Amino acid sequence: MLISDNVIVNSGIQFGTSGARGLVEQFTPQACAAFTQAFLTTVEADFKFAKVAVAIDNRPSSYAMAQACVAAIQSRGYEVAYYGVIPTPALAYSAMQEAIPCIMVTGSHIPFDRNGLKFYRPDGEITKADEQSILTSSVEFVTPVSLPELAVDTKAAEQYVERYTSLFESNLLTGKRIGIYEHSSAGRDLYQGLFEALGAEVISLERTDEFVPIDTEAVAESDKNKARAWSKEHALDFIFSTDGDGDRPLVADENGEWLRGDILGLLCAEAMQVEALAIPVSCNTVIEASPVFKAVTKTKIGSPYVIAEFAVLSEQFASVAGFEANGGFLLGTDININGKMLKALPTRDAVLPALMLLSAAKNSSIVELVEKLPQRFTHSDRIQNFATEKSLTILDIAKDAPEHLLSQLGFGELSVESVNVTDGLRLTLSNDTIIHLRPSGNAPELRCYAEANTFEQAKVLVDQVLTRVQML
């Protein structure tokens, strides 16, 4: 007999900003079963249910992990709905409609040698308190003797498409040529039909069976060049893509320029006339300056923190939403769009912000919408395979001596105007620029965010910081 907390501790798998993450070899059948057993025990304390839903992304390791999770669920006597490869928000939405918990097997944007598990209660994402409960639950279980073959139910995929096609007129995108950068996205089999149902002509771009770890916060130069070339070659009005599990959007304007995720979120929230927003501290400061919103709250980075703030805001405001710098949009309350009620979906979603942007730009252009915003630019990048312990040491020292860090990074002529330690170290400098360093919660990476009055200046800041910090 195995004990869940012992197996979890020994596995080396840890919770990051979005789910439990680790190396593929750490997600053994035992480890997957231990997490599943502990999750079910945690959810059972507050909810009654008879079924659990499971879905996966396109990573080579995801199916076997799902088999182990399903075996563990069945050992508890629950029915299982297996939805195959679909976007995380599609799984979460379907499960919420049935008021059942669900598990998404995905590592999101991290490299394919890693994977993860995302857990959802019947009312949405688990909380940080739930994470601790999962880690500390001592559940006895037996290693699955055999792993079941899984038959795909298409219901969740169909519900997700219907959620959005029913929200708009069928001619919303008539005359638009939309490219879908499919790569290995979990939603690649849904998006063409969804956009075509709204009148668009869709061009499929670069579908591959090799897993591609698209990071919507640190878009590769090769992907920037691809988008510009595709836009010109195919005369595209819009390019849509996502990260691996389809909860973070990556969209490009009429010129093939990828939009920053927080700018996309801002345009979406404004188009929806949301009253109050919760956003991570890394987002562009133009958002809090927008006159559209009655309140904007800044949180730590990670959807659980944004969602936790929804409970506070919804007591004061009728419509509440949030989004992250990676573009994932979270709808905290039901909201009326085009005279139709769109139900809350308090987890990151990629499709809603894309469609709201296209709707807002119907009589102008995406380029024009972006140009009307205050011209404040952000950029971010990361150092991969940078030990988290080293990142934390650097930041701990810098919190006590930010001016010294500034000098080490080559900005000795500047001074620190303010220090924000909500999540990592965010420095506002005397020349009105912002530098923000933060260890990733999902992988051994150090991220740098910068904000300035030009994109070129923001990029120079990030490049210099990441180059110099590796010398510390």
Protein backbone atom coordinates (compact mmCIF):
# COMPACT_ATOMS: atom_id res chain seq x y z
CA MET A 1 0.00 0.00 0.00
CA LEU A 2 1.35 3.44 -0.98
CA ILE A 3 0.77 6.78 0.76
CA SER A 4 0.09 9.73 -1.55
CA ASP A 5 2.12 12.43 0.23
CA ASN A 6 5.18 10.16 0.43
CA VAL A 7 5.00 9.36 -3.28
CA ILE A 8 4.52 13.03 -4.19
CA VAL A 9 7.47 14.21 -2.09
CA ASN A 10 9.73 11.51 -3.49
CA SER A 11 8.68 12.26 -7.06
CA GLY A 12 10.26 15.73 -7.03
CA ILE A 13 7.19 17.18 -8.79
CA GLN A 14 6.17 20.62 -7.54
CA PHE A 15 3.32 23.05 -8.03
CA GLY A 16 4.21 26.10 -10.12
CA THR A 17 2.11 29.08 -11.15
CA SER A 18 -0.21 26.78 -13.07
CA GLY A 19 -0.44 23.18 -11.94
CA ALA A 20 2.01 20.49 -10.88
CA ARG A 21 5.09 20.41 -13.13
CA GLY A 22 8.12 18.17 -13.48
CA LEU A 23 10.24 16.08 -15.80
CA VAL A 24 8.44 13.40 -17.80
CA GLU A 25 10.30 10.62 -16.01
CA GLN A 26 9.03 11.95 -12.67
CA PHE A 27 5.41 11.45 -13.74
CA THR A 28 5.39 7.70 -13.19
CA PRO A 29 2.05 5.85 -12.92
CA GLN A 30 2.56 5.91 -9.15
CA ALA A 31 3.11 9.68 -9.09
CA CYS A 32 0.12 10.39 -11.36
CA ALA A 33 -2.06 8.12 -9.21
CA ALA A 34 -0.83 9.77 -6.00
CA PHE A 35 -1.68 13.27 -7.24
CA THR A 36 -5.07 12.08 -8.50
CA GLN A 37 -5.95 10.32 -5.24
CA ALA A 38 -4.94 13.37 -3.17
CA PHE A 39 -6.86 15.72 -5.50
CA LEU A 40 -10.04 13.66 -5.24
CA THR A 41 -9.75 13.53 -1.46
CA THR A 42 -9.36 17.32 -1.37
CA VAL A 43 -12.37 17.95 -3.64
CA GLU A 44 -14.57 15.40 -1.83
CA ALA A 45 -14.38 17.53 1.29
CA ASP A 46 -16.48 20.27 -0.35
CA PHE A 47 -18.33 18.73 -3.30
CA LYS A 48 -20.51 15.76 -4.25
CA PHE A 49 -19.99 14.27 -7.70
CA ALA A 50 -20.15 10.96 -9.53
CA LYS A 51 -17.94 11.67 -12.53
CA VAL A 52 -14.48 13.14 -13.24
CA ALA A 53 -13.35 14.50 -16.61
CA VAL A 54 -9.85 14.13 -18.09
CA ALA A 55 -8.17 15.58 -21.19
CA ILE A 56 -4.63 15.94 -22.56
CA ASP A 57 -2.38 18.02 -24.79
CA ASN A 58 -0.31 16.70 -27.71
CA ARG A 59 2.85 15.90 -25.73
CA PRO A 60 4.15 12.36 -26.36
CA SER A 61 3.95 11.55 -22.64
CA SER A 62 0.43 12.87 -21.97
CA TYR A 63 -1.67 9.85 -22.96
CA ALA A 64 0.13 7.44 -20.61
CA MET A 65 -0.17 9.94 -17.78
CA ALA A 66 -3.91 10.22 -18.46
CA GLN A 67 -4.23 6.44 -18.33
CA ALA A 68 -2.69 6.41 -14.84
CA CYS A 69 -4.98 9.24 -13.69
CA VAL A 70 -8.06 7.48 -15.08
CA ALA A 71 -7.10 4.20 -13.38
CA ALA A 72 -6.82 6.04 -10.08
CA ILE A 73 -10.18 7.77 -10.59
CA GLN A 74 -11.88 4.48 -11.43
CA SER A 75 -10.36 2.82 -8.35
CA ARG A 76 -12.40 5.30 -6.30
CA GLY A 77 -15.61 4.21 -8.03
CA TYR A 78 -16.10 7.30 -10.18
CA GLU A 79 -17.19 7.39 -13.81
CA VAL A 80 -14.65 8.99 -16.15
CA ALA A 81 -15.28 11.23 -19.17
CA TYR A 82 -12.16 11.23 -21.35
CA TYR A 83 -12.19 14.10 -23.84
CA GLY A 84 -8.90 13.40 -25.61
CA VAL A 85 -6.77 16.23 -26.97
CA ILE A 86 -8.62 19.51 -26.39
CA PRO A 87 -7.73 22.95 -24.99
CA THR A 88 -7.61 23.31 -21.23
CA PRO A 89 -10.43 25.91 -21.20
CA ALA A 90 -12.64 23.51 -23.19
CA LEU A 91 -12.19 20.84 -20.53
CA ALA A 92 -12.72 23.29 -17.68
CA TYR A 93 -15.84 24.81 -19.24
CA SER A 94 -17.48 21.45 -19.90
CA ALA A 95 -16.70 20.18 -16.40
CA MET A 96 -18.08 23.35 -14.81
CA GLN A 97 -21.37 22.92 -16.71
CA GLU A 98 -21.72 19.46 -15.16
CA ALA A 99 -20.38 20.60 -11.77
CA ILE A 100 -17.71 17.88 -11.77
CA PRO A 101 -13.94 18.02 -11.14
CA CYS A 102 -11.44 17.50 -13.95
CA ILE A 103 -7.76 16.92 -14.62
CA MET A 104 -5.83 18.31 -17.60
CA VAL A 105 -2.59 16.54 -18.48
CA THR A 106 -0.38 19.27 -19.89
CA GLY A 107 2.92 21.05 -19.46
CA SER A 108 1.54 24.09 -21.27
CA HIS A 109 4.43 25.96 -22.95
CA ILE A 110 7.39 24.26 -21.26
CA PRO A 111 9.69 21.90 -23.27
CA PHE A 112 8.41 18.43 -24.16
CA ASP A 113 10.80 16.68 -21.76
CA ARG A 114 8.56 18.07 -19.02
CA ASN A 115 4.86 17.71 -18.35
CA GLY A 116 2.26 18.55 -15.75
CA LEU A 117 -1.19 18.17 -14.25
CA LYS A 118 -3.79 20.92 -13.89
CA PHE A 119 -6.61 20.32 -11.44
CA TYR A 120 -10.10 21.82 -11.44
CA ARG A 121 -12.80 21.66 -8.81
CA PRO A 122 -16.45 21.63 -9.96
CA ASP A 123 -16.44 25.44 -9.63
CA GLY A 124 -13.11 26.09 -11.39
CA GLU A 125 -9.37 26.07 -10.78
CA ILE A 126 -8.04 24.78 -7.50
CA THR A 127 -6.77 27.34 -5.02
CA LYS A 128 -3.36 27.63 -3.40
CA ALA A 129 -4.96 26.13 -0.28
CA ASP A 130 -6.10 23.17 -2.38
CA GLU A 131 -2.55 22.73 -3.64
CA GLN A 132 -1.30 22.44 -0.08
CA SER A 133 -4.05 19.96 0.72
CA ILE A 134 -3.01 17.80 -2.24
CA LEU A 135 0.63 17.87 -1.16
CA THR A 136 -0.14 16.93 2.44
CA SER A 137 -3.00 14.45 2.05
CA SER A 138 -2.02 10.97 3.26
CA VAL A 139 -4.18 8.79 1.04
CA GLU A 140 -3.57 5.07 0.88
CA PHE A 141 -3.71 3.60 -2.62
CA VAL A 142 -2.45 0.72 -4.73
CA THR A 143 -0.38 1.21 -7.89
CA PRO A 144 -2.61 0.57 -10.93
CA VAL A 145 -2.04 -3.01 -12.11
CA SER A 146 -3.03 -2.22 -15.70
CA LEU A 147 -3.68 1.04 -17.52
CA PRO A 148 -7.02 1.32 -19.35
CA GLU A 149 -7.37 2.16 -23.04
CA LEU A 150 -9.23 5.47 -23.30
CA ALA A 151 -12.11 6.14 -25.70
CA VAL A 152 -12.59 9.79 -26.66
CA ASP A 153 -15.86 11.59 -25.93
CA THR A 154 -16.28 14.67 -28.20
CA LYS A 155 -18.81 16.49 -26.01
CA ALA A 156 -16.41 18.98 -24.41
CA ALA A 157 -14.93 20.01 -27.77
CA GLU A 158 -18.41 20.59 -29.20
CA GLN A 159 -19.52 22.61 -26.16
CA TYR A 160 -16.46 24.85 -26.38
CA VAL A 161 -17.02 25.67 -30.05
CA GLU A 162 -20.73 26.29 -29.39
CA ARG A 163 -19.85 28.67 -26.54
CA TYR A 164 -18.37 31.11 -29.04
CA THR A 165 -20.16 30.46 -32.32
CA SER A 166 -23.48 31.11 -30.53
CA LEU A 167 -22.22 34.45 -29.21
CA PHE A 168 -21.80 36.17 -32.57
CA GLU A 169 -23.63 36.44 -35.88
CA SER A 170 -22.46 33.89 -38.45
CA ASN A 171 -21.14 36.71 -40.70
CA LEU A 172 -18.87 38.27 -38.06
CA LEU A 173 -15.72 37.31 -39.98
CA THR A 174 -17.09 37.30 -43.53
CA GLY A 175 -14.41 38.60 -45.90
CA LYS A 176 -11.59 37.95 -43.42
CA ARG A 177 -8.63 35.72 -44.23
CA ILE A 178 -7.39 34.16 -41.00
CA GLY A 179 -4.25 32.09 -40.65
CA ILE A 180 -4.11 29.49 -37.88
CA TYR A 181 -0.60 28.64 -36.75
CA GLU A 182 -1.51 25.13 -35.65
CA HIS A 183 1.87 23.63 -34.67
CA SER A 184 1.06 21.09 -31.90
CA SER A 185 -1.62 23.11 -30.10
CA ALA A 186 -4.22 21.06 -28.23
CA GLY A 187 -6.97 23.03 -29.96
CA ARG A 188 -5.72 22.78 -33.52
CA ASP A 189 -8.55 20.45 -34.62
CA LEU A 190 -11.20 22.90 -33.34
CA TYR A 191 -10.09 26.34 -34.44
CA GLN A 192 -10.59 26.09 -38.20
CA GLY A 193 -14.22 25.01 -37.85
CA LEU A 194 -14.86 27.66 -35.21
CA PHE A 195 -13.55 30.55 -37.32
CA GLU A 196 -15.21 29.22 -40.47
CA ALA A 197 -18.55 29.02 -38.65
CA LEU A 198 -18.25 32.80 -38.16
CA GLY A 199 -17.62 33.41 -41.86
CA ALA A 200 -13.83 33.49 -42.13
CA GLU A 201 -11.66 31.95 -44.82
CA VAL A 202 -9.07 29.93 -42.90
CA ILE A 203 -5.53 29.07 -43.95
CA SER A 204 -3.77 26.32 -41.99
CA LEU A 205 -0.16 27.14 -41.11
CA GLU A 206 2.66 24.82 -40.05
CA ARG A 207 0.89 21.89 -38.44
CA THR A 208 3.41 19.45 -36.99
CA ASP A 209 3.46 16.17 -35.09
CA GLU A 210 6.57 17.30 -33.21
CA PHE A 211 5.69 19.07 -29.96
CA VAL A 212 6.47 22.80 -30.16
CA PRO A 213 6.82 24.61 -26.80
CA ILE A 214 5.34 27.97 -27.81
CA ASP A 215 5.75 30.58 -25.05
CA THR A 216 3.38 33.49 -25.69
CA GLU A 217 5.35 35.71 -23.29
CA ALA A 218 8.69 35.13 -25.00
CA VAL A 219 7.90 34.78 -28.69
CA ALA A 220 10.89 33.50 -30.65
CA GLU A 221 12.36 35.70 -33.39
CA SER A 222 11.74 32.85 -35.83
CA ASP A 223 8.02 32.96 -35.02
CA LYS A 224 7.96 36.74 -35.45
CA ASN A 225 9.53 36.40 -38.88
CA LYS A 226 7.14 33.57 -39.82
CA ALA A 227 4.09 35.66 -38.96
CA ARG A 228 5.23 38.61 -41.09
CA ALA A 229 5.98 36.29 -44.00
CA TRP A 230 2.66 34.41 -43.69
CA SER A 231 0.71 37.65 -43.49
CA LYS A 232 2.24 38.92 -46.70
CA GLU A 233 2.20 35.61 -48.60
CA HIS A 234 -1.43 34.79 -47.81
CA ALA A 235 -2.81 38.37 -47.55
CA LEU A 236 -4.01 37.61 -44.01
CA ASP A 237 -6.15 39.88 -41.86
CA PHE A 238 -5.31 38.01 -38.68
CA ILE A 239 -3.18 35.13 -37.38
CA PHE A 240 -4.32 33.01 -34.44
CA SER A 241 -2.27 30.58 -32.40
CA THR A 242 -1.93 29.37 -28.83
CA ASP A 243 0.52 27.72 -26.49
CA GLY A 244 0.58 23.93 -26.11
CA ASP A 245 -2.64 23.48 -24.15
CA GLY A 246 -4.65 26.23 -25.82
CA ASP A 247 -5.21 28.55 -22.88
CA ARG A 248 -2.83 31.33 -23.91
CA PRO A 249 -3.46 33.13 -27.21
CA LEU A 250 -0.91 34.38 -29.67
CA VAL A 251 -2.47 36.72 -32.25
CA ALA A 252 -1.05 38.89 -35.02
CA ASP A 253 -2.46 42.00 -36.67
CA GLU A 254 -2.90 42.76 -40.38
CA ASN A 255 0.86 43.21 -40.75
CA GLY A 256 1.76 39.93 -39.09
CA GLU A 257 2.96 41.61 -35.89
CA TRP A 258 2.25 39.57 -32.77
CA LEU A 259 0.37 41.51 -30.09
CA ARG A 260 1.56 41.48 -26.50
CA GLY A 261 -0.81 39.40 -24.40
CA ASP A 262 -1.68 42.19 -21.97
CA ILE A 263 -2.53 44.57 -24.83
CA LEU A 264 -4.80 41.90 -26.32
CA GLY A 265 -6.41 41.46 -22.90
CA LEU A 266 -6.90 45.21 -22.53
CA LEU A 267 -8.61 45.52 -25.92
CA CYS A 268 -10.81 42.51 -25.14
CA ALA A 269 -11.84 43.82 -21.72
CA GLU A 270 -12.59 47.26 -23.13
CA ALA A 271 -14.69 45.75 -25.94
CA MET A 272 -16.65 43.75 -23.35
CA GLN A 273 -17.02 46.85 -21.14
CA VAL A 274 -15.91 44.95 -18.08
CA GLU A 275 -16.26 46.99 -14.89
CA ALA A 276 -13.39 45.60 -12.81
CA LEU A 277 -10.14 43.80 -13.60
CA ALA A 278 -7.64 41.69 -11.71
CA ILE A 279 -4.27 41.43 -13.47
CA PRO A 280 -0.75 40.35 -12.49
CA VAL A 281 1.77 42.99 -11.53
CA SER A 282 3.79 42.27 -14.71
CA CYS A 283 1.12 43.74 -17.00
CA ASN A 284 1.49 47.03 -18.91
CA THR A 285 0.71 50.11 -16.82
CA VAL A 286 -1.57 51.54 -19.55
CA ILE A 287 -4.23 49.08 -18.35
CA GLU A 288 -4.74 50.70 -14.97
CA ALA A 289 -4.84 54.10 -16.71
CA SER A 290 -7.76 53.11 -18.95
CA PRO A 291 -10.94 55.14 -18.22
CA VAL A 292 -13.14 52.14 -19.12
CA PHE A 293 -12.60 50.26 -15.86
CA LYS A 294 -13.93 51.23 -12.44
CA ALA A 295 -11.22 49.22 -10.68
CA VAL A 296 -7.96 47.48 -11.59
CA THR A 297 -6.24 45.29 -8.98
CA LYS A 298 -2.67 44.00 -9.36
CA THR A 299 -1.82 40.49 -8.11
CA LYS A 300 1.04 38.04 -8.00
CA ILE A 301 1.70 36.23 -11.28
CA GLY A 302 -0.39 33.11 -11.81
CA SER A 303 -4.04 32.47 -12.51
CA PRO A 304 -4.85 31.30 -8.93
CA TYR A 305 -3.99 34.78 -7.63
CA VAL A 306 -6.08 36.50 -10.29
CA ILE A 307 -9.02 34.19 -9.58
CA ALA A 308 -8.75 34.75 -5.82
CA GLU A 309 -9.18 38.47 -6.45
CA PHE A 310 -12.39 37.84 -8.41
CA ALA A 311 -14.17 36.95 -5.17
CA VAL A 312 -13.32 40.37 -3.73
CA LEU A 313 -14.19 42.37 -6.86
CA SER A 314 -17.46 40.54 -7.56
CA GLU A 315 -18.83 41.81 -4.24
CA GLN A 316 -18.64 45.36 -5.59
CA PHE A 317 -18.95 45.07 -9.38
CA ALA A 318 -21.39 43.36 -11.74
CA SER A 319 -18.81 42.28 -14.32
CA VAL A 320 -15.33 41.08 -13.40
CA ALA A 321 -12.53 39.67 -15.54
CA GLY A 322 -8.78 39.32 -15.62
CA PHE A 323 -5.93 38.48 -17.93
CA GLU A 324 -2.22 37.86 -17.81
CA ALA A 325 0.78 39.18 -19.70
CA ASN A 326 0.78 35.85 -21.56
CA GLY A 327 -2.65 36.73 -23.04
CA GLY A 328 -4.81 34.20 -21.21
CA PHE A 329 -8.20 35.82 -20.48
CA LEU A 330 -10.24 34.84 -17.40
CA LEU A 331 -13.94 35.68 -17.13
CA GLY A 332 -14.88 35.98 -13.47
CA THR A 333 -18.61 36.62 -13.84
CA ASP A 334 -21.37 36.01 -16.36
CA ILE A 335 -21.53 38.90 -18.82
CA ASN A 336 -23.89 40.09 -21.56
CA ILE A 337 -22.34 40.17 -25.04
CA ASN A 338 -24.44 41.07 -28.08
CA GLY A 339 -27.59 40.56 -26.04
CA LYS A 340 -26.51 37.03 -25.11
CA MET A 341 -25.27 35.75 -21.77
CA LEU A 342 -21.71 34.45 -21.76
CA LYS A 343 -21.13 32.27 -18.72
CA ALA A 344 -18.15 32.82 -16.46
CA LEU A 345 -15.01 30.84 -17.21
CA PRO A 346 -12.48 31.63 -14.46
CA THR A 347 -9.52 29.99 -16.13
CA ARG A 348 -7.22 31.16 -18.91
CA ASP A 349 -8.83 31.11 -22.35
CA ALA A 350 -7.36 31.89 -25.77
CA VAL A 351 -10.43 32.11 -28.02
CA LEU A 352 -12.49 34.81 -26.28
CA PRO A 353 -9.88 37.61 -26.52
CA ALA A 354 -9.21 36.76 -30.17
CA LEU A 355 -12.87 36.96 -31.13
CA MET A 356 -13.54 40.12 -29.12
CA LEU A 357 -10.56 41.78 -30.82
CA LEU A 358 -11.86 40.81 -34.27
CA SER A 359 -15.31 42.05 -33.33
CA ALA A 360 -13.94 45.39 -32.09
CA ALA A 361 -11.87 45.81 -35.26
CA LYS A 362 -14.72 44.97 -37.65
CA ASN A 363 -15.15 48.58 -38.83
CA SER A 364 -11.51 49.64 -38.54
CA SER A 365 -8.41 47.49 -38.09
CA ILE A 366 -6.42 45.87 -35.34
CA VAL A 367 -3.50 48.16 -36.11
CA GLU A 368 -5.72 51.22 -35.57
CA LEU A 369 -7.08 49.88 -32.28
CA VAL A 370 -3.58 49.36 -30.93
CA GLU A 371 -2.37 52.76 -32.14
CA LYS A 372 -5.18 54.51 -30.24
CA LEU A 373 -3.81 53.21 -26.94
CA PRO A 374 -1.23 55.23 -24.95
CA GLN A 375 2.15 54.36 -26.43
CA ARG A 376 3.75 52.38 -23.64
CA PHE A 377 5.60 49.22 -24.58
CA THR A 378 6.60 46.03 -22.80
CA HIS A 379 8.95 43.18 -23.64
CA SER A 380 9.93 40.01 -21.86
CA ASP A 381 12.34 37.14 -22.28
CA ARG A 382 13.92 34.45 -20.15
CA ILE A 383 17.11 32.60 -19.38
CA GLN A 384 16.40 28.89 -19.63
CA ASN A 385 18.12 26.28 -17.44
CA PHE A 386 18.87 28.94 -14.82
CA ALA A 387 18.70 27.42 -11.34
CA THR A 388 15.76 28.71 -9.32
CA GLU A 389 17.98 28.80 -6.21
CA LYS A 390 20.39 31.17 -7.97
CA SER A 391 17.52 33.40 -9.09
CA LEU A 392 16.14 33.60 -5.56
CA THR A 393 19.57 34.41 -4.10
CA ILE A 394 20.10 37.27 -6.56
CA LEU A 395 16.67 38.73 -5.85
CA ASP A 396 16.95 38.36 -2.06
CA ILE A 397 20.17 40.37 -2.08
CA ALA A 398 18.76 42.92 -4.53
CA LYS A 399 15.63 43.58 -2.44
CA ASP A 400 17.89 45.00 0.27
CA ALA A 401 20.20 46.80 -2.15
CA PRO A 402 18.34 47.56 -5.41
CA GLU A 403 20.72 50.39 -6.38
CA HIS A 404 23.65 47.95 -6.22
CA LEU A 405 21.85 45.51 -8.53
CA LEU A 406 21.11 48.38 -10.90
CA SER A 407 24.82 49.18 -11.06
CA GLN A 408 25.70 45.52 -11.64
CA LEU A 409 23.25 45.42 -14.54
CA GLY A 410 24.94 48.41 -16.18
CA PHE A 411 22.46 51.13 -15.25
CA GLY A 412 24.64 52.98 -12.74
CA GLU A 413 23.60 56.37 -14.09
CA LEU A 414 19.99 55.73 -13.07
CA SER A 415 18.32 55.57 -9.67
CA VAL A 416 15.48 53.46 -8.29
CA GLU A 417 12.26 55.44 -7.87
CA SER A 418 10.19 52.61 -6.39
CA VAL A 419 10.47 48.91 -5.51
CA ASN A 420 7.60 46.42 -5.85
CA VAL A 421 8.08 42.92 -4.40
CA THR A 422 4.55 41.62 -5.06
CA ASP A 423 6.13 38.90 -7.20
CA GLY A 424 9.87 38.91 -7.77
CA LEU A 425 11.56 42.32 -7.95
CA ARG A 426 9.98 45.14 -9.96
CA LEU A 427 11.98 48.36 -10.13
CA THR A 428 10.68 51.66 -11.48
CA LEU A 429 13.68 53.71 -12.56
CA SER A 430 14.38 57.43 -12.72
CA ASN A 431 14.04 57.53 -16.53
CA ASP A 432 10.44 56.20 -16.32
CA THR A 433 11.35 52.66 -17.35
CA ILE A 434 10.53 49.48 -15.42
CA ILE A 435 12.64 46.35 -14.91
CA HIS A 436 11.05 43.26 -13.38
CA LEU A 437 12.95 40.06 -12.54
CA ARG A 438 11.13 36.92 -11.48
CA PRO A 439 11.97 33.20 -11.35
CA SER A 440 9.48 31.10 -13.32
CA GLY A 441 7.14 29.05 -11.19
CA ASN A 442 7.02 26.25 -13.78
CA ALA A 443 10.62 25.60 -14.85
CA PRO A 444 14.23 26.55 -13.94
CA GLU A 445 14.06 29.87 -15.78
CA LEU A 446 14.62 33.50 -14.88
CA ARG A 447 12.20 35.89 -16.57
CA CYS A 448 12.76 39.57 -17.18
CA TYR A 449 9.95 41.99 -18.01
CA ALA A 450 10.58 45.58 -19.04
CA GLU A 451 8.41 48.58 -19.81
CA ALA A 452 9.42 51.76 -21.63
CA ASN A 453 8.16 54.45 -24.01
CA THR A 454 9.37 52.55 -27.08
CA PHE A 455 9.51 48.86 -27.88
CA GLU A 456 13.17 49.17 -28.86
CA GLN A 457 14.03 50.60 -25.46
CA ALA A 458 12.11 47.84 -23.66
CA LYS A 459 13.91 45.18 -25.68
CA VAL A 460 17.32 46.71 -24.98
CA LEU A 461 16.53 46.69 -21.27
CA VAL A 462 15.57 43.01 -21.27
CA ASP A 463 18.55 41.95 -23.37
CA GLN A 464 21.01 43.86 -21.19
CA VAL A 465 19.53 42.63 -17.91
CA LEU A 466 19.52 38.98 -18.95
CA THR A 467 23.08 39.21 -20.31
CA ARG A 468 24.44 40.88 -17.19
CA VAL A 469 22.54 38.76 -14.66
CA GLN A 470 24.23 35.62 -15.97
CA MET A 471 27.56 37.15 -14.89
CA LEU A 472 26.49 37.62 -11.28
